Each structure stands twice: as C-alpha cells, then as structure tokens.
Amino acid sequence: MKTRAVSPLRASRTALWVILTVILSTLVLPHAAESYSWVFRNSPAWNYMEKHRSKRYAKARVSVMTSYFKAKNPGISAKAARTYASLVEAISGKYGVDPFLVSSIIVKESTVKVRAKSGKAYGLMQINWKANRKWIPRVFPTVKSASKLLHSKPNIYVGCYMLRDALKRGGNVDKALDIYRGKSITSYRTKIHRYYSDQVDMLRKKL
C-alpha cells in the first residue's frame, strides 16, 4: 500500500498551527478562568459565620434578620418581618444552608415583598414556577400552583430546597448563586454578599 507523501510546506504549516494552538491555549484559557469574579471566596463575613451558625446564636440571627428586613422594606410590619426571619432561621436550618444567605437572597430578589411577581418568578425568593413546576408539587405536595408561592412559608421552603441543591451542584457559594439566578452575574453575587456582610456586621455588634 502506497502512502501519500506530505510536502515540506504543508508539514511546516501543520507544525506552525500546532504551536500557535498551544500558545493560545496557555494565554487565553487561564485568562478566561481568572475573569470570573469570586465574591464569597475568602470572604471575612462568610468565614465569621462558619463559627456562628449553631443554634446558640439563633435568637440573635432572627433579631438581625428582623431588623434588616424592616430596614430594607419599611412598608412591612414588625410582625411580618419577625415572621419571615423566624421562618428563614427554621427552614434554612432544616436544609443546612446559611440563614443570612437566604435572607440576603430575599432582600435582593423581592425587597422582602411576599407577593412580589416578576414575569414567571413569585414571592419572597422569586421562584420561577414555569421552570420548576414539574418537581415542586412532587417534593412539596401542598404547592400545586404558582399562587402558593405568594405565601411566605411555602416560598421559603422551596427557595431553601433550591439553594441547597445549587450549593451541592456548584460546590461553593458563588457558583450556587449563579445556578440559583440562572446565569452568572457578578453584580448579583456582589449585592448578595453586601447584604450578607451587613447582617454579619449587625450580628457581631449583638454578640
């Protein structure tokens, strides 16, 4: 069987292409990886909460979230703010997620408005009903329609469940927020972190 000879010119072009590919991969790929803005990684606020998520500080956390909710939405009553804060504390504990992360999402997504609607998103944690309607009733049998998400308790239950799943899939808080949001937006993660840090500072002052 005869093999076709490769011309020196063609061989040199092929070699040059391989070299250029290697050079570009070493320059472009690291840059692409570095362009992602990590917000929660090495966050002093997040690190502080690593030692303050136990039940010992639950009462103080509820007090902080109540005050923060009221400050971010002066239109809600103190009773409502307290109710939301207590629900966040209890439900986040059940799903093993940081309560201040949940409360920060609530502030960012709905400005603590229980009946907030934005397109296909509903309630405090702005749950996208259309995108999640197949599994929500299966996991939460009492939540059979979008209107149920306009109530604080079922909304926070579904939101915390989704956040726990996002944390498992993402492996860290920043990637989890991307998953929860549906896309990677640095400004979104930055605002969540700012609200989170605000509450951690308030907790520091209480303890």
Protein backbone atom coordinates (compact mmCIF):
# COMPACT_ATOMS: atom_id res chain seq x y z
CA MET A 1 0.00 0.00 0.00
CA LYS A 2 1.38 3.36 -1.02
CA THR A 3 1.41 6.26 1.40
CA ARG A 4 0.95 9.79 0.19
CA ALA A 5 3.99 11.98 0.73
CA VAL A 6 3.47 15.18 2.72
CA SER A 7 5.10 18.24 1.24
CA PRO A 8 7.58 20.16 3.41
CA LEU A 9 5.44 23.28 3.08
CA ARG A 10 2.31 21.53 4.31
CA ALA A 11 4.24 19.90 7.15
CA SER A 12 5.64 23.24 8.28
CA ARG A 13 2.16 24.82 8.20
CA THR A 14 0.79 21.98 10.31
CA ALA A 15 3.62 22.34 12.82
CA LEU A 16 3.07 26.09 12.98
CA TRP A 17 -0.66 25.61 13.61
CA VAL A 18 0.04 23.19 16.46
CA ILE A 19 2.48 25.64 18.05
CA LEU A 20 0.00 28.53 17.75
CA THR A 21 -2.76 26.40 19.28
CA VAL A 22 -0.59 25.56 22.28
CA ILE A 23 0.41 29.20 22.77
CA LEU A 24 -3.20 30.42 22.57
CA SER A 25 -4.39 27.76 24.99
CA THR A 26 -1.81 28.85 27.56
CA LEU A 27 -2.73 32.52 27.17
CA VAL A 28 -6.49 32.52 26.64
CA LEU A 29 -7.71 29.71 28.88
CA PRO A 30 -6.08 30.92 32.11
CA HIS A 31 -7.35 34.42 31.38
CA ALA A 32 -10.88 33.08 30.90
CA ALA A 33 -10.66 31.24 34.21
CA GLU A 34 -9.34 34.30 36.02
CA SER A 35 -12.05 36.57 34.61
CA TYR A 36 -14.65 35.01 36.92
CA SER A 37 -15.16 37.30 39.90
CA TRP A 38 -15.17 35.32 43.13
CA VAL A 39 -17.10 37.21 45.78
CA PHE A 40 -17.67 34.79 48.66
CA ARG A 41 -14.32 33.03 48.35
CA ASN A 42 -12.16 34.08 51.34
CA SER A 43 -14.92 36.43 52.49
CA PRO A 44 -14.31 37.55 56.11
CA ALA A 45 -18.07 37.66 56.68
CA TRP A 46 -18.55 34.10 55.41
CA ASN A 47 -15.60 32.87 57.48
CA TYR A 48 -17.03 34.56 60.58
CA MET A 49 -20.34 32.78 60.11
CA GLU A 50 -18.58 29.41 59.94
CA LYS A 51 -18.36 29.68 63.74
CA HIS A 52 -21.74 31.35 64.29
CA ARG A 53 -24.29 29.13 62.54
CA SER A 54 -25.09 26.97 65.54
CA LYS A 55 -28.40 27.09 67.41
CA ARG A 56 -26.64 29.01 70.16
CA TYR A 57 -26.87 32.15 68.02
CA ALA A 58 -30.30 31.51 66.51
CA LYS A 59 -32.11 34.15 68.58
CA ALA A 60 -29.54 36.80 67.67
CA ARG A 61 -29.72 35.88 63.97
CA VAL A 62 -33.52 36.18 63.98
CA SER A 63 -33.23 39.59 65.62
CA VAL A 64 -30.73 40.72 62.98
CA MET A 65 -32.84 39.49 60.06
CA THR A 66 -35.97 41.07 61.51
CA SER A 67 -34.27 44.46 61.74
CA TYR A 68 -32.69 44.09 58.31
CA PHE A 69 -35.95 43.12 56.62
CA LYS A 70 -37.69 46.10 58.19
CA ALA A 71 -34.88 48.44 57.13
CA LYS A 72 -34.94 47.21 53.53
CA ASN A 73 -38.72 47.34 53.31
CA PRO A 74 -40.16 49.88 55.76
CA GLY A 75 -43.61 49.07 54.40
CA ILE A 76 -43.84 45.69 56.14
CA SER A 77 -44.93 45.42 59.74
CA ALA A 78 -42.55 44.42 62.51
CA LYS A 79 -44.65 41.29 62.99
CA ALA A 80 -44.28 40.28 59.34
CA ALA A 81 -40.53 40.94 59.41
CA ARG A 82 -40.24 38.78 62.52
CA THR A 83 -42.30 36.02 60.93
CA TYR A 84 -40.16 35.93 57.80
CA ALA A 85 -36.96 35.98 59.86
CA SER A 86 -38.16 33.12 62.05
CA LEU A 87 -39.14 31.08 59.00
CA VAL A 88 -35.76 31.67 57.38
CA GLU A 89 -33.97 30.58 60.55
CA ALA A 90 -36.02 27.41 60.95
CA ILE A 91 -36.16 26.32 57.30
CA SER A 92 -32.56 27.15 56.44
CA GLY A 93 -31.53 25.03 59.42
CA LYS A 94 -33.57 22.13 58.12
CA TYR A 95 -31.83 22.25 54.76
CA GLY A 96 -28.39 23.10 56.09
CA VAL A 97 -27.98 26.45 54.37
CA ASP A 98 -26.78 29.72 55.86
CA PRO A 99 -29.78 31.78 57.09
CA PHE A 100 -28.12 35.09 56.19
CA LEU A 101 -27.55 33.82 52.66
CA VAL A 102 -31.27 33.10 52.40
CA SER A 103 -32.27 36.46 53.88
CA SER A 104 -29.86 38.22 51.50
CA ILE A 105 -31.49 36.49 48.53
CA ILE A 106 -34.90 37.58 49.82
CA VAL A 107 -33.74 41.21 50.03
CA LYS A 108 -32.19 41.12 46.57
CA GLU A 109 -34.92 39.19 44.80
CA SER A 110 -38.10 40.74 46.21
CA THR A 111 -37.12 43.55 48.59
CA VAL A 112 -38.93 41.46 51.21
CA LYS A 113 -42.28 41.65 49.40
CA VAL A 114 -44.18 38.43 49.96
CA ARG A 115 -46.50 38.91 46.98
CA ALA A 116 -43.82 40.11 44.58
CA LYS A 117 -44.20 38.91 40.98
CA SER A 118 -41.74 39.47 38.17
CA GLY A 119 -42.51 37.63 34.98
CA LYS A 120 -42.51 33.94 35.90
CA ALA A 121 -40.96 34.49 39.34
CA TYR A 122 -43.02 34.55 42.52
CA GLY A 123 -42.76 35.57 46.14
CA LEU A 124 -40.01 36.38 48.59
CA MET A 125 -37.32 34.27 46.93
CA GLN A 126 -38.69 34.81 43.40
CA ILE A 127 -39.23 31.17 42.49
CA ASN A 128 -39.57 30.54 38.76
CA TRP A 129 -42.75 28.48 38.69
CA LYS A 130 -42.71 27.65 34.99
CA ALA A 131 -39.16 26.29 35.11
CA ASN A 132 -39.76 24.25 38.27
CA ARG A 133 -43.44 23.35 38.16
CA LYS A 134 -42.78 19.67 37.37
CA TRP A 135 -40.84 18.84 40.52
CA ILE A 136 -42.17 21.35 43.09
CA PRO A 137 -45.56 19.61 43.63
CA ARG A 138 -43.78 16.27 43.86
CA VAL A 139 -41.42 17.44 46.62
CA PHE A 140 -43.94 19.83 48.20
CA PRO A 141 -47.42 18.31 47.65
CA THR A 142 -49.21 21.37 49.07
CA VAL A 143 -47.60 23.68 46.50
CA LYS A 144 -49.62 22.86 43.40
CA SER A 145 -49.80 26.28 41.80
CA ALA A 146 -47.80 29.48 41.48
CA SER A 147 -50.21 31.28 43.79
CA LYS A 148 -48.97 29.16 46.70
CA LEU A 149 -45.55 30.72 46.26
CA LEU A 150 -47.04 34.09 47.20
CA HIS A 151 -47.12 32.89 50.80
CA SER A 152 -44.00 33.16 52.94
CA LYS A 153 -43.69 29.63 54.34
CA PRO A 154 -44.00 27.57 51.13
CA ASN A 155 -41.89 30.10 49.24
CA ILE A 156 -39.02 29.91 51.72
CA TYR A 157 -39.28 26.12 51.83
CA VAL A 158 -38.97 25.83 48.06
CA GLY A 159 -36.26 28.50 47.90
CA CYS A 160 -34.12 26.86 50.59
CA TYR A 161 -34.52 23.50 48.89
CA MET A 162 -33.36 25.00 45.59
CA LEU A 163 -30.46 26.78 47.27
CA ARG A 164 -29.29 23.57 48.95
CA ASP A 165 -29.38 21.81 45.59
CA ALA A 166 -27.47 24.69 43.97
CA LEU A 167 -24.79 24.51 46.67
CA LYS A 168 -24.38 20.78 46.09
CA ARG A 169 -24.15 21.21 42.33
CA GLY A 170 -22.00 24.33 42.37
CA GLY A 171 -19.65 23.27 45.13
CA ASN A 172 -19.33 26.81 46.53
CA VAL A 173 -21.48 29.85 47.25
CA ASP A 174 -20.56 31.87 44.16
CA LYS A 175 -21.38 29.07 41.72
CA ALA A 176 -24.50 28.22 43.72
CA LEU A 177 -25.76 31.78 43.30
CA ASP A 178 -25.14 31.52 39.55
CA ILE A 179 -27.27 28.37 39.48
CA TYR A 180 -29.99 29.94 41.63
CA ARG A 181 -30.06 33.06 39.46
CA GLY A 182 -30.00 31.03 36.25
CA LYS A 183 -26.85 32.71 34.93
CA SER A 184 -23.58 34.18 36.14
CA ILE A 185 -23.91 37.86 37.02
CA THR A 186 -21.12 39.42 39.09
CA SER A 187 -23.28 42.33 40.24
CA TYR A 188 -25.87 39.87 41.57
CA ARG A 189 -23.32 37.98 43.64
CA THR A 190 -21.78 41.26 44.81
CA LYS A 191 -25.10 42.61 46.08
CA ILE A 192 -25.93 39.35 47.82
CA HIS A 193 -22.54 39.49 49.53
CA ARG A 194 -23.06 43.10 50.56
CA TYR A 195 -26.42 42.28 52.18
CA TYR A 196 -24.84 39.24 53.77
CA SER A 197 -21.95 41.27 55.18
CA ASP A 198 -24.37 43.90 56.51
CA GLN A 199 -26.13 41.27 58.58
CA VAL A 200 -22.91 39.70 59.78
CA ASP A 201 -21.75 43.14 60.99
CA MET A 202 -25.04 43.54 62.84
CA LEU A 203 -24.59 40.12 64.43
CA ARG A 204 -21.05 40.99 65.54
CA LYS A 205 -22.36 44.01 67.38
CA LYS A 206 -25.01 41.93 69.15
CA LEU A 207 -22.63 39.26 70.41
